[in-house]
Amino acid sequence: MDPKEVLSAALKEAMKNKDAARRDTLRLLQSAIKQVEIDTQKTLSNEEVINILQKEAKKRRESIEELEGAGRDSSSEKDELKVIEEFLPRQLSYDELKVIAQAMIAELGVTSGKEINKVMSPLLARVKGQADGKLVNQVVRDLLNG
């Protein structure tokens, strides 16, 4: 189903339920999508919309990290992240990613941490949309250095 339609339906539902925080987050997402459509002067594909949602989720994760590092409240960012993640494909866990990375490392014949770049590109392409690049990097480093 079209992610933009799903977002619109969720927004209508949030408005009916008078859920202001969810409504505002959904409006921010729709605004981000609309801005890219205006900038590129084209209607975005479902994959491109998912990419925007992933970027928005990444922004929230980074904000949460920074706020918690500074000892500040990050609950609003966490709430926004939960809403965004509802519309993203299921993310791979560390263990699921580890299995895929081990297979890729074996397939490419990589044996040392110095060859991490040989693994990262094809692995990121394989798990695109299913895992954060930071987590992928961590898994590969753990496997090659550990």
C-alpha atoms as a PDB file:
ATOM      1  CA  MET A   1       0.000   0.000   0.000  1.00  0.00           C
ATOM      2  CA  ASP A   2       1.110   3.552  -0.677  1.00  0.00           C
ATOM      3  CA  PRO A   3       2.917   4.950   2.413  1.00  0.00           C
ATOM      4  CA  LYS A   4       1.480   8.430   1.757  1.00  0.00           C
ATOM      5  CA  GLU A   5      -2.065   7.022   1.883  1.00  0.00           C
ATOM      6  CA  VAL A   6      -1.249   5.137   5.073  1.00  0.00           C
ATOM      7  CA  LEU A   7       0.094   8.353   6.626  1.00  0.00           C
ATOM      8  CA  SER A   8      -3.042  10.257   5.601  1.00  0.00           C
ATOM      9  CA  ALA A   9      -5.305   7.598   7.095  1.00  0.00           C
ATOM     10  CA  ALA A  10      -3.264   7.599  10.312  1.00  0.00           C
ATOM     11  CA  LEU A  11      -3.472  11.393  10.462  1.00  0.00           C
ATOM     12  CA  LYS A  12      -7.277  11.317  10.116  1.00  0.00           C
ATOM     13  CA  GLU A  13      -7.443   8.684  12.851  1.00  0.00           C
ATOM     14  CA  ALA A  14      -5.209  10.751  15.163  1.00  0.00           C
ATOM     15  CA  MET A  15      -7.388  13.805  14.560  1.00  0.00           C
ATOM     16  CA  LYS A  16     -10.565  11.826  15.370  1.00  0.00           C
ATOM     17  CA  ASN A  17      -8.952  10.510  18.562  1.00  0.00           C
ATOM     18  CA  LYS A  18      -7.697  14.002  19.480  1.00  0.00           C
ATOM     19  CA  ASP A  19      -4.130  12.634  19.781  1.00  0.00           C
ATOM     20  CA  ALA A  20      -2.226  15.899  19.328  1.00  0.00           C
ATOM     21  CA  ALA A  21       1.307  14.493  19.619  1.00  0.00           C
ATOM     22  CA  ARG A  22       0.682  11.774  17.017  1.00  0.00           C
ATOM     23  CA  ARG A  23      -1.150  14.230  14.751  1.00  0.00           C
ATOM     24  CA  ASP A  24       1.740  16.691  14.886  1.00  0.00           C
ATOM     25  CA  THR A  25       4.329  14.003  14.137  1.00  0.00           C
ATOM     26  CA  LEU A  26       2.325  12.741  11.159  1.00  0.00           C
ATOM     27  CA  ARG A  27       1.990  16.286   9.842  1.00  0.00           C
ATOM     28  CA  LEU A  28       5.770  16.743  10.147  1.00  0.00           C
ATOM     29  CA  LEU A  29       6.304  13.573   8.117  1.00  0.00           C
ATOM     30  CA  GLN A  30       3.828  14.635   5.440  1.00  0.00           C
ATOM     31  CA  SER A  31       5.486  18.033   5.317  1.00  0.00           C
ATOM     32  CA  ALA A  32       8.935  16.468   4.844  1.00  0.00           C
ATOM     33  CA  ILE A  33       7.606  14.308   1.998  1.00  0.00           C
ATOM     34  CA  LYS A  34       5.824  17.245   0.361  1.00  0.00           C
ATOM     35  CA  GLN A  35       8.968  19.393   0.603  1.00  0.00           C
ATOM     36  CA  VAL A  36      11.024  16.795  -1.264  1.00  0.00           C
ATOM     37  CA  GLU A  37       8.305  16.491  -3.902  1.00  0.00           C
ATOM     38  CA  ILE A  38       8.337  20.259  -4.376  1.00  0.00           C
ATOM     39  CA  ASP A  39      12.144  20.421  -4.481  1.00  0.00           C
ATOM     40  CA  THR A  40      12.452  17.592  -7.008  1.00  0.00           C
ATOM     41  CA  GLN A  41       9.266  18.575  -8.878  1.00  0.00           C
ATOM     42  CA  LYS A  42       8.042  14.993  -9.062  1.00  0.00           C
ATOM     43  CA  THR A  43       5.795  12.570  -7.233  1.00  0.00           C
ATOM     44  CA  LEU A  44       7.868  10.282  -5.040  1.00  0.00           C
ATOM     45  CA  SER A  45       7.803   6.509  -5.336  1.00  0.00           C
ATOM     46  CA  ASN A  46       6.957   4.350  -2.315  1.00  0.00           C
ATOM     47  CA  GLU A  47      10.655   3.552  -1.870  1.00  0.00           C
ATOM     48  CA  GLU A  48      11.577   7.246  -1.884  1.00  0.00           C
ATOM     49  CA  VAL A  49       8.895   7.976   0.729  1.00  0.00           C
ATOM     50  CA  ILE A  50      10.289   5.168   2.924  1.00  0.00           C
ATOM     51  CA  ASN A  51      13.775   6.700   2.520  1.00  0.00           C
ATOM     52  CA  ILE A  52      12.449  10.028   3.806  1.00  0.00           C
ATOM     53  CA  LEU A  53      10.823   8.300   6.771  1.00  0.00           C
ATOM     54  CA  GLN A  54      14.129   6.563   7.511  1.00  0.00           C
ATOM     55  CA  LYS A  55      15.961   9.900   7.425  1.00  0.00           C
ATOM     56  CA  GLU A  56      13.407  11.387   9.815  1.00  0.00           C
ATOM     57  CA  ALA A  57      13.817   8.395  12.154  1.00  0.00           C
ATOM     58  CA  LYS A  58      17.594   8.794  12.005  1.00  0.00           C
ATOM     59  CA  LYS A  59      17.269  12.483  12.931  1.00  0.00           C
ATOM     60  CA  ARG A  60      15.197  11.511  15.979  1.00  0.00           C
ATOM     61  CA  ARG A  61      17.696   8.827  17.050  1.00  0.00           C
ATOM     62  CA  GLU A  62      20.550  11.327  16.825  1.00  0.00           C
ATOM     63  CA  SER A  63      18.548  13.920  18.785  1.00  0.00           C
ATOM     64  CA  ILE A  64      17.774  11.357  21.480  1.00  0.00           C
ATOM     65  CA  GLU A  65      21.489  10.479  21.742  1.00  0.00           C
ATOM     66  CA  GLU A  66      22.500  14.142  22.011  1.00  0.00           C
ATOM     67  CA  LEU A  67      19.786  15.032  24.514  1.00  0.00           C
ATOM     68  CA  GLU A  68      20.519  12.045  26.733  1.00  0.00           C
ATOM     69  CA  GLY A  69      24.241  12.772  26.495  1.00  0.00           C
ATOM     70  CA  ALA A  70      23.506  16.281  27.774  1.00  0.00           C
ATOM     71  CA  GLY A  71      21.262  14.909  30.525  1.00  0.00           C
ATOM     72  CA  ARG A  72      18.096  16.443  29.047  1.00  0.00           C
ATOM     73  CA  ASP A  73      14.606  15.034  28.506  1.00  0.00           C
ATOM     74  CA  SER A  74      14.212  13.199  25.199  1.00  0.00           C
ATOM     75  CA  SER A  75      10.690  11.835  25.675  1.00  0.00           C
ATOM     76  CA  SER A  76       9.108  13.893  22.865  1.00  0.00           C
ATOM     77  CA  GLU A  77      11.737  12.656  20.371  1.00  0.00           C
ATOM     78  CA  LYS A  78      11.182   9.081  21.574  1.00  0.00           C
ATOM     79  CA  ASP A  79       7.442   9.474  21.049  1.00  0.00           C
ATOM     80  CA  GLU A  80       7.999  10.857  17.544  1.00  0.00           C
ATOM     81  CA  LEU A  81      10.407   8.009  16.750  1.00  0.00           C
ATOM     82  CA  LYS A  82       7.800   5.415  17.815  1.00  0.00           C
ATOM     83  CA  VAL A  83       5.257   6.972  15.456  1.00  0.00           C
ATOM     84  CA  ILE A  84       7.741   7.087  12.557  1.00  0.00           C
ATOM     85  CA  GLU A  85       8.823   3.469  13.107  1.00  0.00           C
ATOM     86  CA  GLU A  86       5.206   2.318  12.681  1.00  0.00           C
ATOM     87  CA  PHE A  87       5.472   3.243   8.997  1.00  0.00           C
ATOM     88  CA  LEU A  88       8.908   1.738   8.349  1.00  0.00           C
ATOM     89  CA  PRO A  89       9.694  -1.840   7.351  1.00  0.00           C
ATOM     90  CA  ARG A  90      10.599  -4.076  10.292  1.00  0.00           C
ATOM     91  CA  GLN A  91      14.200  -3.474  11.310  1.00  0.00           C
ATOM     92  CA  LEU A  92      16.647  -6.367  11.616  1.00  0.00           C
ATOM     93  CA  SER A  93      17.939  -7.174  15.089  1.00  0.00           C
ATOM     94  CA  TYR A  94      21.650  -7.350  15.923  1.00  0.00           C
ATOM     95  CA  ASP A  95      21.560 -11.164  15.793  1.00  0.00           C
ATOM     96  CA  GLU A  96      19.683 -11.296  12.463  1.00  0.00           C
ATOM     97  CA  LEU A  97      22.139  -8.804  11.013  1.00  0.00           C
ATOM     98  CA  LYS A  98      25.075 -10.800  12.374  1.00  0.00           C
ATOM     99  CA  VAL A  99      23.967 -13.915  10.443  1.00  0.00           C
ATOM    100  CA  ILE A 100      23.669 -11.962   7.180  1.00  0.00           C
ATOM    101  CA  ALA A 101      27.022 -10.239   7.772  1.00  0.00           C
ATOM    102  CA  GLN A 102      28.776 -13.551   8.511  1.00  0.00           C
ATOM    103  CA  ALA A 103      27.484 -14.976   5.233  1.00  0.00           C
ATOM    104  CA  MET A 104      28.621 -11.870   3.333  1.00  0.00           C
ATOM    105  CA  ILE A 105      32.080 -11.968   4.942  1.00  0.00           C
ATOM    106  CA  ALA A 106      32.470 -15.653   4.069  1.00  0.00           C
ATOM    107  CA  GLU A 107      31.214 -15.065   0.520  1.00  0.00           C
ATOM    108  CA  LEU A 108      33.729 -12.244  -0.030  1.00  0.00           C
ATOM    109  CA  GLY A 109      36.585 -14.033   1.740  1.00  0.00           C
ATOM    110  CA  VAL A 110      37.313 -11.072   4.026  1.00  0.00           C
ATOM    111  CA  THR A 111      39.515 -11.953   6.988  1.00  0.00           C
ATOM    112  CA  SER A 112      40.687  -8.741   8.641  1.00  0.00           C
ATOM    113  CA  GLY A 113      39.279  -5.489   9.948  1.00  0.00           C
ATOM    114  CA  LYS A 114      41.333  -3.630   7.332  1.00  0.00           C
ATOM    115  CA  GLU A 115      39.004  -4.983   4.648  1.00  0.00           C
ATOM    116  CA  ILE A 116      35.817  -3.665   6.261  1.00  0.00           C
ATOM    117  CA  ASN A 117      35.028  -1.488   3.228  1.00  0.00           C
ATOM    118  CA  LYS A 118      34.818  -4.575   1.001  1.00  0.00           C
ATOM    119  CA  VAL A 119      31.962  -5.848   3.171  1.00  0.00           C
ATOM    120  CA  MET A 120      30.100  -2.639   3.995  1.00  0.00           C
ATOM    121  CA  SER A 121      28.923  -1.624   0.503  1.00  0.00           C
ATOM    122  CA  PRO A 122      27.372  -4.936  -0.539  1.00  0.00           C
ATOM    123  CA  LEU A 123      25.988  -5.548   2.956  1.00  0.00           C
ATOM    124  CA  LEU A 124      24.358  -2.108   3.151  1.00  0.00           C
ATOM    125  CA  ALA A 125      22.825  -2.688  -0.282  1.00  0.00           C
ATOM    126  CA  ARG A 126      21.455  -6.049   0.858  1.00  0.00           C
ATOM    127  CA  VAL A 127      19.842  -4.780   4.075  1.00  0.00           C
ATOM    128  CA  LYS A 128      18.762  -1.394   2.692  1.00  0.00           C
ATOM    129  CA  GLY A 129      15.749  -0.162   4.605  1.00  0.00           C
ATOM    130  CA  GLN A 130      15.969  -2.957   7.141  1.00  0.00           C
ATOM    131  CA  ALA A 131      18.898  -1.799   9.264  1.00  0.00           C
ATOM    132  CA  ASP A 132      20.588   1.407  10.320  1.00  0.00           C
ATOM    133  CA  GLY A 133      24.056   1.916   8.813  1.00  0.00           C
ATOM    134  CA  LYS A 134      25.513   2.498  12.270  1.00  0.00           C
ATOM    135  CA  LEU A 135      24.316  -0.922  13.452  1.00  0.00           C
ATOM    136  CA  VAL A 136      25.575  -2.604  10.272  1.00  0.00           C
ATOM    137  CA  ASN A 137      29.003  -1.031  10.820  1.00  0.00           C
ATOM    138  CA  GLN A 138      29.037  -2.189  14.461  1.00  0.00           C
ATOM    139  CA  VAL A 139      28.136  -5.782  13.526  1.00  0.00           C
ATOM    140  CA  VAL A 140      30.828  -5.971  10.826  1.00  0.00           C
ATOM    141  CA  ARG A 141      33.455  -4.480  13.158  1.00  0.00           C
ATOM    142  CA  ASP A 142      32.509  -6.945  15.904  1.00  0.00           C
ATOM    143  CA  LEU A 143      32.783  -9.878  13.506  1.00  0.00           C
ATOM    144  CA  LEU A 144      36.080  -8.838  11.912  1.00  0.00           C
ATOM    145  CA  ASN A 145      37.815  -7.632  15.072  1.00  0.00           C
ATOM    146  CA  GLY A 146      36.304  -9.981  17.535  1.00  0.00           C
END
